[in-house]
Amino acid sequence: MHRSIIKPRMFRNVFALVMLACTASCMESADEPSGQEVSELTIGTSSYDGSTVCSVGGVSMHCCPGGAVMIGAQVAQNVFKCGTVAGLGGLRFLDLATTRNGMHACPSGAVMVGLNAANNWLACQFPPTAPVIEFVDTSTADAFPMHICPVGSAMAGISVSANKFTCDF
């Protein structure tokens, strides 16, 4: 065979073997744990709320209705986007000082259910399954327009002045 034909074929065969090996090593068996946890924080139906009040730690503030967590906020208008979470039950509690990601946030594993922006007070609640992924969001918005956490995640912290959220899922 001519030398110019052998090189492309050999290259193609070596490339195919490397791809096959990489694909096989990247695949996981369904029986083997991956070592990564997956959040089961499942956000259901969402709605806008501008009037629900709750009392946490002796303080009254705007909150999402029972069974719902904050997934967005238009602080200037005091309107929240709330998403239902199946099995959300436990007690709501007041957080005055926890800081994560450079902003006031609920303790790790808890998400926001209310906010008093003037005093920087958060109403927090632990969902049935703790979120395992956390990130800062600066720009996701919906049609309201309102700053929201990306689909499937809930607010866990807020910097009102910087318009940043800590989002958990």
N, C-alpha and C. Protein backbone atom coordinates (compact mmCIF):
# COMPACT_ATOMS: atom_id res chain seq x y z
N MET A 1 0.83 -1.19 0.00
CA MET A 1 0.00 0.00 0.00
C MET A 1 0.87 1.24 0.00
N HIS A 2 0.24 2.25 -0.49
CA HIS A 2 0.97 3.50 -0.56
C HIS A 2 1.03 4.13 0.83
N ARG A 3 2.16 4.71 1.14
CA ARG A 3 2.43 5.26 2.45
C ARG A 3 1.41 6.34 2.86
N SER A 4 0.93 7.17 1.96
CA SER A 4 -0.01 8.25 2.29
C SER A 4 -1.38 7.71 2.69
N ILE A 5 -1.74 6.49 2.30
CA ILE A 5 -3.01 5.88 2.67
C ILE A 5 -2.91 5.23 4.04
N ILE A 6 -1.78 4.65 4.36
CA ILE A 6 -1.59 3.96 5.64
C ILE A 6 -1.68 4.93 6.81
N LYS A 7 -1.05 6.07 6.73
CA LYS A 7 -1.05 7.04 7.84
C LYS A 7 -2.46 7.49 8.21
N PRO A 8 -3.31 7.92 7.27
CA PRO A 8 -4.66 8.33 7.65
C PRO A 8 -5.47 7.18 8.26
N ARG A 9 -5.34 5.98 7.71
CA ARG A 9 -6.07 4.83 8.27
C ARG A 9 -5.58 4.53 9.67
N MET A 10 -4.27 4.54 9.86
CA MET A 10 -3.71 4.25 11.17
C MET A 10 -4.17 5.32 12.17
N PHE A 11 -4.13 6.54 11.78
CA PHE A 11 -4.57 7.63 12.64
C PHE A 11 -6.04 7.46 13.02
N ARG A 12 -6.87 7.14 12.03
CA ARG A 12 -8.29 6.94 12.26
C ARG A 12 -8.53 5.78 13.23
N ASN A 13 -7.78 4.67 13.06
CA ASN A 13 -7.94 3.51 13.94
C ASN A 13 -7.48 3.81 15.36
N VAL A 14 -6.35 4.49 15.50
CA VAL A 14 -5.85 4.85 16.83
C VAL A 14 -6.85 5.81 17.50
N PHE A 15 -7.34 6.77 16.75
CA PHE A 15 -8.32 7.72 17.28
C PHE A 15 -9.57 6.98 17.76
N ALA A 16 -10.06 6.04 16.98
CA ALA A 16 -11.25 5.27 17.34
C ALA A 16 -11.02 4.46 18.62
N LEU A 17 -9.84 3.87 18.76
CA LEU A 17 -9.52 3.10 19.97
C LEU A 17 -9.45 4.00 21.19
N VAL A 18 -8.84 5.16 21.05
CA VAL A 18 -8.75 6.10 22.17
C VAL A 18 -10.14 6.56 22.59
N MET A 19 -10.97 6.89 21.63
CA MET A 19 -12.34 7.32 21.93
C MET A 19 -13.13 6.22 22.62
N LEU A 20 -12.97 5.00 22.16
CA LEU A 20 -13.66 3.86 22.75
C LEU A 20 -13.21 3.66 24.20
N ALA A 21 -11.91 3.75 24.44
CA ALA A 21 -11.37 3.58 25.78
C ALA A 21 -11.86 4.70 26.70
N CYS A 22 -11.85 5.92 26.22
CA CYS A 22 -12.33 7.05 27.03
C CYS A 22 -13.81 6.92 27.35
N THR A 23 -14.59 6.54 26.38
CA THR A 23 -16.02 6.38 26.60
C THR A 23 -16.30 5.29 27.63
N ALA A 24 -15.60 4.19 27.53
CA ALA A 24 -15.80 3.09 28.46
C ALA A 24 -15.40 3.49 29.88
N SER A 25 -14.31 4.23 30.02
CA SER A 25 -13.85 4.59 31.36
C SER A 25 -14.72 5.68 31.97
N CYS A 26 -15.40 6.47 31.16
CA CYS A 26 -16.25 7.54 31.67
C CYS A 26 -17.63 7.03 32.06
N MET A 27 -18.04 5.90 31.54
CA MET A 27 -19.36 5.37 31.85
C MET A 27 -19.35 4.73 33.23
N GLU A 28 -20.46 4.91 33.95
CA GLU A 28 -20.59 4.32 35.27
C GLU A 28 -21.64 3.23 35.25
N SER A 29 -21.40 2.24 36.03
CA SER A 29 -22.40 1.20 36.18
C SER A 29 -23.54 1.75 37.01
N ALA A 30 -24.76 1.37 36.73
CA ALA A 30 -25.92 1.81 37.50
C ALA A 30 -25.86 1.29 38.92
N ASP A 31 -25.08 0.22 39.17
CA ASP A 31 -24.97 -0.35 40.50
C ASP A 31 -23.90 0.32 41.34
N GLU A 32 -23.04 1.10 40.73
CA GLU A 32 -21.96 1.73 41.47
C GLU A 32 -22.30 3.16 41.82
N PRO A 33 -22.07 3.59 43.07
CA PRO A 33 -22.31 4.99 43.41
C PRO A 33 -21.28 5.87 42.71
N SER A 34 -21.69 7.06 42.34
CA SER A 34 -20.81 7.95 41.60
C SER A 34 -19.89 8.74 42.49
N GLY A 35 -20.18 8.82 43.79
CA GLY A 35 -19.38 9.64 44.68
C GLY A 35 -19.90 11.07 44.71
N GLN A 36 -20.87 11.40 43.89
CA GLN A 36 -21.46 12.72 43.91
C GLN A 36 -22.90 12.60 44.38
N GLU A 37 -23.26 13.50 45.31
CA GLU A 37 -24.63 13.51 45.78
C GLU A 37 -25.46 14.35 44.81
N VAL A 38 -26.72 14.01 44.71
CA VAL A 38 -27.63 14.77 43.87
C VAL A 38 -28.74 15.29 44.77
N SER A 39 -29.01 16.59 44.69
CA SER A 39 -30.03 17.19 45.52
C SER A 39 -31.40 16.67 45.13
N GLU A 40 -32.23 16.54 46.12
CA GLU A 40 -33.61 16.15 45.87
C GLU A 40 -34.54 17.31 46.20
N LEU A 41 -34.00 18.54 46.18
CA LEU A 41 -34.81 19.73 46.38
C LEU A 41 -35.60 19.94 45.10
N THR A 42 -36.82 19.46 45.08
CA THR A 42 -37.64 19.54 43.88
C THR A 42 -38.62 20.69 44.02
N ILE A 43 -38.42 21.72 43.20
CA ILE A 43 -39.29 22.89 43.23
C ILE A 43 -40.50 22.61 42.34
N GLY A 44 -41.68 22.76 42.92
CA GLY A 44 -42.91 22.52 42.16
C GLY A 44 -43.46 23.81 41.59
N THR A 45 -44.75 24.01 41.74
CA THR A 45 -45.45 25.17 41.21
C THR A 45 -44.91 26.46 41.81
N SER A 46 -44.74 27.48 40.97
CA SER A 46 -44.27 28.77 41.47
C SER A 46 -45.37 29.82 41.34
N SER A 47 -45.27 30.84 42.20
CA SER A 47 -46.23 31.95 42.16
C SER A 47 -45.56 33.18 42.74
N TYR A 48 -46.13 34.34 42.44
CA TYR A 48 -45.63 35.59 42.99
C TYR A 48 -46.41 35.92 44.25
N ASP A 49 -45.71 36.45 45.25
CA ASP A 49 -46.36 36.78 46.52
C ASP A 49 -45.89 38.14 46.98
N GLY A 50 -46.84 38.99 47.34
CA GLY A 50 -46.50 40.31 47.84
C GLY A 50 -47.15 40.63 49.17
N SER A 51 -47.77 39.63 49.80
CA SER A 51 -48.53 39.97 51.01
C SER A 51 -48.45 38.98 52.17
N THR A 52 -47.93 37.78 51.97
CA THR A 52 -47.91 36.79 53.05
C THR A 52 -46.93 37.24 54.13
N VAL A 53 -47.38 37.17 55.37
CA VAL A 53 -46.55 37.56 56.51
C VAL A 53 -46.40 36.34 57.41
N CYS A 54 -45.18 36.14 57.91
CA CYS A 54 -44.97 35.07 58.89
C CYS A 54 -44.25 35.67 60.10
N SER A 55 -44.27 34.95 61.17
CA SER A 55 -43.58 35.37 62.38
C SER A 55 -42.51 34.34 62.71
N VAL A 56 -41.27 34.79 62.75
CA VAL A 56 -40.15 33.90 63.08
C VAL A 56 -39.29 34.59 64.15
N GLY A 57 -38.99 33.88 65.21
CA GLY A 57 -38.16 34.45 66.27
C GLY A 57 -38.75 35.72 66.86
N GLY A 58 -40.08 35.83 66.90
CA GLY A 58 -40.73 37.00 67.45
C GLY A 58 -40.76 38.20 66.50
N VAL A 59 -40.35 38.00 65.26
CA VAL A 59 -40.30 39.07 64.27
C VAL A 59 -41.26 38.73 63.12
N SER A 60 -42.04 39.70 62.69
CA SER A 60 -42.92 39.50 61.54
C SER A 60 -42.25 40.04 60.29
N MET A 61 -42.39 39.31 59.19
CA MET A 61 -41.80 39.75 57.92
C MET A 61 -42.55 39.11 56.76
N HIS A 62 -42.27 39.60 55.56
CA HIS A 62 -42.85 39.03 54.35
C HIS A 62 -42.22 37.66 54.12
N CYS A 63 -43.04 36.65 53.89
CA CYS A 63 -42.58 35.28 53.66
C CYS A 63 -43.38 34.66 52.52
N CYS A 64 -42.84 33.59 51.98
CA CYS A 64 -43.62 32.77 51.06
C CYS A 64 -44.66 32.01 51.87
N PRO A 65 -45.76 31.62 51.25
CA PRO A 65 -46.76 30.83 51.97
C PRO A 65 -46.15 29.51 52.48
N GLY A 66 -46.79 28.93 53.48
CA GLY A 66 -46.32 27.65 54.01
C GLY A 66 -46.16 26.62 52.91
N GLY A 67 -45.10 25.83 52.99
CA GLY A 67 -44.85 24.81 51.98
C GLY A 67 -44.09 25.32 50.77
N ALA A 68 -43.70 26.61 50.80
CA ALA A 68 -42.98 27.18 49.66
C ALA A 68 -41.69 27.87 50.11
N VAL A 69 -40.73 27.93 49.20
CA VAL A 69 -39.44 28.58 49.45
C VAL A 69 -39.26 29.72 48.46
N MET A 70 -38.36 30.64 48.78
CA MET A 70 -38.08 31.75 47.88
C MET A 70 -37.21 31.27 46.72
N ILE A 71 -37.64 31.60 45.52
CA ILE A 71 -36.81 31.30 44.34
C ILE A 71 -36.46 32.58 43.59
N GLY A 72 -37.00 33.72 44.05
CA GLY A 72 -36.70 35.01 43.43
C GLY A 72 -37.23 36.14 44.28
N ALA A 73 -36.72 37.34 44.01
CA ALA A 73 -37.17 38.52 44.76
C ALA A 73 -37.03 39.78 43.92
N GLN A 74 -38.06 40.59 43.97
CA GLN A 74 -38.03 41.95 43.45
C GLN A 74 -38.16 42.82 44.70
N VAL A 75 -36.99 43.08 45.33
CA VAL A 75 -36.95 43.71 46.65
C VAL A 75 -37.61 45.09 46.64
N ALA A 76 -37.36 45.89 45.62
CA ALA A 76 -37.91 47.25 45.57
C ALA A 76 -39.44 47.25 45.64
N GLN A 77 -40.09 46.20 45.13
CA GLN A 77 -41.55 46.09 45.14
C GLN A 77 -42.06 45.15 46.23
N ASN A 78 -41.14 44.56 46.99
CA ASN A 78 -41.47 43.60 48.05
C ASN A 78 -42.32 42.44 47.51
N VAL A 79 -41.91 41.91 46.36
CA VAL A 79 -42.60 40.77 45.75
C VAL A 79 -41.60 39.62 45.65
N PHE A 80 -42.03 38.45 46.07
CA PHE A 80 -41.19 37.26 46.00
C PHE A 80 -41.76 36.30 44.96
N LYS A 81 -40.88 35.51 44.38
CA LYS A 81 -41.32 34.37 43.60
C LYS A 81 -41.11 33.17 44.51
N CYS A 82 -42.17 32.42 44.74
CA CYS A 82 -42.14 31.31 45.68
C CYS A 82 -42.41 30.01 44.93
N GLY A 83 -41.71 28.96 45.32
CA GLY A 83 -41.91 27.65 44.71
C GLY A 83 -42.23 26.63 45.77
N THR A 84 -43.20 25.80 45.49
CA THR A 84 -43.57 24.77 46.46
C THR A 84 -42.52 23.67 46.49
N VAL A 85 -42.34 23.09 47.67
CA VAL A 85 -41.43 21.96 47.87
C VAL A 85 -42.20 20.89 48.63
N ALA A 86 -42.39 19.74 48.00
CA ALA A 86 -43.12 18.65 48.64
C ALA A 86 -42.42 18.23 49.94
N GLY A 87 -43.21 18.08 50.99
CA GLY A 87 -42.66 17.62 52.26
C GLY A 87 -42.01 18.71 53.10
N LEU A 88 -42.06 19.97 52.63
CA LEU A 88 -41.47 21.07 53.40
C LEU A 88 -42.31 21.25 54.64
N GLY A 89 -41.73 21.01 55.78
CA GLY A 89 -42.52 21.07 57.00
C GLY A 89 -41.83 21.80 58.12
N GLY A 90 -40.78 21.34 58.63
CA GLY A 90 -40.09 21.89 59.80
C GLY A 90 -40.37 23.33 60.14
N LEU A 91 -39.80 23.76 61.23
CA LEU A 91 -39.99 25.12 61.69
C LEU A 91 -39.21 26.13 60.86
N ARG A 92 -39.81 27.26 60.67
CA ARG A 92 -39.11 28.39 60.08
C ARG A 92 -38.37 29.08 61.21
N PHE A 93 -37.21 29.64 60.90
CA PHE A 93 -36.45 30.31 61.96
C PHE A 93 -35.79 31.57 61.43
N LEU A 94 -35.46 32.47 62.35
CA LEU A 94 -34.87 33.75 62.03
C LEU A 94 -33.36 33.63 61.99
N ASP A 95 -32.75 34.19 60.95
CA ASP A 95 -31.29 34.26 60.90
C ASP A 95 -30.90 35.73 60.79
N LEU A 96 -30.00 36.15 61.68
CA LEU A 96 -29.58 37.54 61.72
C LEU A 96 -28.16 37.76 61.24
N ALA A 97 -27.32 36.71 61.20
CA ALA A 97 -25.91 37.00 60.97
C ALA A 97 -25.11 35.99 60.15
N THR A 98 -25.67 34.87 59.73
CA THR A 98 -24.88 33.89 58.98
C THR A 98 -24.41 34.52 57.67
N THR A 99 -23.15 34.32 57.34
CA THR A 99 -22.60 34.85 56.09
C THR A 99 -21.96 33.72 55.31
N ARG A 100 -22.33 33.62 54.05
CA ARG A 100 -21.71 32.69 53.10
C ARG A 100 -21.63 33.39 51.76
N ASN A 101 -20.60 33.12 51.01
CA ASN A 101 -20.44 33.70 49.68
C ASN A 101 -20.48 35.23 49.69
N GLY A 102 -20.00 35.83 50.79
CA GLY A 102 -19.94 37.28 50.88
C GLY A 102 -21.28 37.96 51.06
N MET A 103 -22.28 37.22 51.54
CA MET A 103 -23.61 37.81 51.74
C MET A 103 -24.31 37.13 52.90
N HIS A 104 -25.37 37.77 53.40
CA HIS A 104 -26.19 37.18 54.45
C HIS A 104 -26.90 35.97 53.86
N ALA A 105 -26.82 34.86 54.56
CA ALA A 105 -27.41 33.62 54.06
C ALA A 105 -27.95 32.79 55.21
N CYS A 106 -28.83 31.89 54.89
CA CYS A 106 -29.29 30.91 55.87
C CYS A 106 -28.14 29.96 56.17
N PRO A 107 -28.19 29.29 57.33
CA PRO A 107 -27.15 28.30 57.63
C PRO A 107 -27.10 27.23 56.53
N SER A 108 -25.97 26.63 56.36
CA SER A 108 -25.78 25.60 55.33
C SER A 108 -26.86 24.53 55.42
N GLY A 109 -27.48 24.22 54.30
CA GLY A 109 -28.54 23.22 54.24
C GLY A 109 -29.94 23.80 54.33
N ALA A 110 -30.05 25.06 54.75
CA ALA A 110 -31.35 25.71 54.85
C ALA A 110 -31.53 26.68 53.68
N VAL A 111 -32.77 26.97 53.36
CA VAL A 111 -33.08 27.90 52.27
C VAL A 111 -33.98 29.02 52.80
N MET A 112 -34.07 30.09 52.03
CA MET A 112 -34.87 31.25 52.43
C MET A 112 -36.35 31.01 52.18
N VAL A 113 -37.16 31.45 53.15
CA VAL A 113 -38.60 31.44 52.99
C VAL A 113 -39.17 32.84 53.22
N GLY A 114 -38.34 33.77 53.69
CA GLY A 114 -38.79 35.14 53.94
C GLY A 114 -37.63 36.10 54.06
N LEU A 115 -37.97 37.40 53.96
CA LEU A 115 -36.95 38.44 53.99
C LEU A 115 -37.54 39.74 54.50
N ASN A 116 -36.81 40.38 55.41
CA ASN A 116 -37.08 41.76 55.78
C ASN A 116 -35.84 42.51 55.32
N ALA A 117 -35.89 43.09 54.12
CA ALA A 117 -34.72 43.72 53.51
C ALA A 117 -34.23 44.92 54.31
N ALA A 118 -35.14 45.69 54.89
CA ALA A 118 -34.74 46.89 55.63
C ALA A 118 -33.82 46.56 56.80
N ASN A 119 -34.06 45.42 57.44
CA ASN A 119 -33.25 45.02 58.60
C ASN A 119 -32.25 43.91 58.28
N ASN A 120 -32.26 43.43 57.03
CA ASN A 120 -31.41 42.32 56.61
C ASN A 120 -31.64 41.07 57.46
N TRP A 121 -32.91 40.76 57.67
CA TRP A 121 -33.30 39.57 58.41
C TRP A 121 -33.81 38.53 57.42
N LEU A 122 -33.45 37.28 57.65
CA LEU A 122 -33.90 36.19 56.80
C LEU A 122 -34.77 35.22 57.60
N ALA A 123 -35.82 34.74 56.99
CA ALA A 123 -36.57 33.61 57.53
C ALA A 123 -36.07 32.40 56.75
N CYS A 124 -35.64 31.38 57.47
CA CYS A 124 -35.02 30.20 56.86
C CYS A 124 -35.78 28.94 57.25
N GLN A 125 -35.57 27.89 56.48
CA GLN A 125 -36.20 26.60 56.77
C GLN A 125 -35.36 25.50 56.13
N PHE A 126 -35.26 24.38 56.82
CA PHE A 126 -34.55 23.23 56.27
C PHE A 126 -35.52 22.41 55.43
N PRO A 127 -35.20 22.20 54.14
CA PRO A 127 -36.07 21.36 53.30
C PRO A 127 -35.92 19.89 53.70
N PRO A 128 -36.83 19.03 53.22
CA PRO A 128 -36.78 17.62 53.59
C PRO A 128 -35.44 16.96 53.24
N THR A 129 -34.85 17.35 52.13
CA THR A 129 -33.53 16.86 51.74
C THR A 129 -32.65 18.07 51.52
N ALA A 130 -31.52 18.09 52.20
CA ALA A 130 -30.65 19.26 52.12
C ALA A 130 -30.07 19.44 50.72
N PRO A 131 -30.03 20.68 50.26
CA PRO A 131 -29.37 20.96 48.97
C PRO A 131 -27.89 20.62 49.08
N VAL A 132 -27.28 20.22 47.98
CA VAL A 132 -25.87 19.84 48.01
C VAL A 132 -25.00 20.69 47.08
N ILE A 133 -25.62 21.49 46.24
CA ILE A 133 -24.87 22.35 45.33
C ILE A 133 -25.26 23.78 45.61
N GLU A 134 -24.25 24.64 45.71
CA GLU A 134 -24.48 26.05 46.02
C GLU A 134 -23.68 26.92 45.07
N PHE A 135 -24.26 28.03 44.64
CA PHE A 135 -23.55 28.93 43.74
C PHE A 135 -24.13 30.33 43.89
N VAL A 136 -23.40 31.32 43.40
CA VAL A 136 -23.85 32.71 43.43
C VAL A 136 -24.42 33.06 42.06
N ASP A 137 -25.61 33.66 42.07
CA ASP A 137 -26.25 34.09 40.82
C ASP A 137 -26.38 35.60 40.84
N THR A 138 -26.01 36.22 39.73
CA THR A 138 -26.07 37.68 39.63
C THR A 138 -27.00 38.19 38.54
N SER A 139 -27.53 37.30 37.71
CA SER A 139 -28.24 37.85 36.56
C SER A 139 -29.46 37.08 36.05
N THR A 140 -29.77 35.91 36.57
CA THR A 140 -30.92 35.18 36.04
C THR A 140 -32.20 35.95 36.35
N ALA A 141 -33.04 36.10 35.36
CA ALA A 141 -34.28 36.86 35.55
C ALA A 141 -35.43 36.17 34.84
N ASP A 142 -36.64 36.48 35.30
CA ASP A 142 -37.83 35.96 34.63
C ASP A 142 -38.55 37.13 33.96
N ALA A 143 -39.76 36.91 33.50
CA ALA A 143 -40.50 37.91 32.74
C ALA A 143 -41.13 39.00 33.62
N PHE A 144 -41.08 38.87 34.94
CA PHE A 144 -41.76 39.83 35.84
C PHE A 144 -41.37 41.27 35.55
N PRO A 145 -40.18 41.76 35.47
CA PRO A 145 -38.89 41.08 35.60
C PRO A 145 -38.46 41.01 37.07
N MET A 146 -37.85 39.90 37.39
CA MET A 146 -37.42 39.64 38.76
C MET A 146 -36.15 38.81 38.71
N HIS A 147 -35.21 39.13 39.60
CA HIS A 147 -34.02 38.30 39.74
C HIS A 147 -34.47 37.00 40.41
N ILE A 148 -34.12 35.87 39.80
CA ILE A 148 -34.50 34.56 40.32
C ILE A 148 -33.27 33.65 40.33
N CYS A 149 -33.34 32.61 41.13
CA CYS A 149 -32.36 31.54 41.04
C CYS A 149 -32.72 30.69 39.81
N PRO A 150 -31.75 30.08 39.17
CA PRO A 150 -32.06 29.25 38.01
C PRO A 150 -33.05 28.13 38.36
N VAL A 151 -33.75 27.64 37.35
CA VAL A 151 -34.77 26.62 37.51
C VAL A 151 -34.25 25.46 38.36
N GLY A 152 -35.05 25.06 39.34
CA GLY A 152 -34.71 23.92 40.19
C GLY A 152 -33.93 24.29 41.43
N SER A 153 -33.59 25.57 41.60
CA SER A 153 -32.83 25.97 42.78
C SER A 153 -33.62 26.98 43.59
N ALA A 154 -33.24 27.11 44.86
CA ALA A 154 -33.91 28.02 45.78
C ALA A 154 -32.91 29.02 46.35
N MET A 155 -33.42 30.15 46.77
CA MET A 155 -32.56 31.15 47.40
C MET A 155 -32.12 30.67 48.78
N ALA A 156 -30.85 30.87 49.07
CA ALA A 156 -30.33 30.56 50.40
C ALA A 156 -29.68 31.79 51.02
N GLY A 157 -29.43 32.82 50.21
CA GLY A 157 -28.82 34.05 50.70
C GLY A 157 -29.05 35.18 49.73
N ILE A 158 -28.82 36.41 50.24
CA ILE A 158 -29.05 37.58 49.39
C ILE A 158 -28.16 38.73 49.81
N SER A 159 -27.67 39.44 48.82
CA SER A 159 -27.03 40.74 49.02
C SER A 159 -27.91 41.71 48.26
N VAL A 160 -28.76 42.43 48.99
CA VAL A 160 -29.71 43.35 48.35
C VAL A 160 -28.96 44.43 47.58
N SER A 161 -27.92 45.00 48.18
CA SER A 161 -27.21 46.11 47.54
C SER A 161 -26.49 45.69 46.25
N ALA A 162 -26.00 44.46 46.20
CA ALA A 162 -25.28 43.98 45.02
C ALA A 162 -26.17 43.18 44.07
N ASN A 163 -27.43 42.95 44.45
CA ASN A 163 -28.36 42.13 43.67
C ASN A 163 -27.77 40.76 43.35
N LYS A 164 -27.22 40.11 44.39
CA LYS A 164 -26.66 38.77 44.26
C LYS A 164 -27.44 37.82 45.16
N PHE A 165 -27.60 36.60 44.67
CA PHE A 165 -28.25 35.55 45.45
C PHE A 165 -27.28 34.39 45.64
N THR A 166 -27.36 33.74 46.78
CA THR A 166 -26.79 32.40 46.93
C THR A 166 -27.94 31.47 46.59
N CYS A 167 -27.74 30.60 45.61
CA CYS A 167 -28.77 29.66 45.18
C CYS A 167 -28.32 28.24 45.50
N ASP A 168 -29.24 27.45 46.00
CA ASP A 168 -28.97 26.05 46.37
C ASP A 168 -29.89 25.12 45.61
N PHE A 169 -29.33 23.96 45.22
CA PHE A 169 -30.18 22.88 44.71
C PHE A 169 -29.50 21.57 44.95
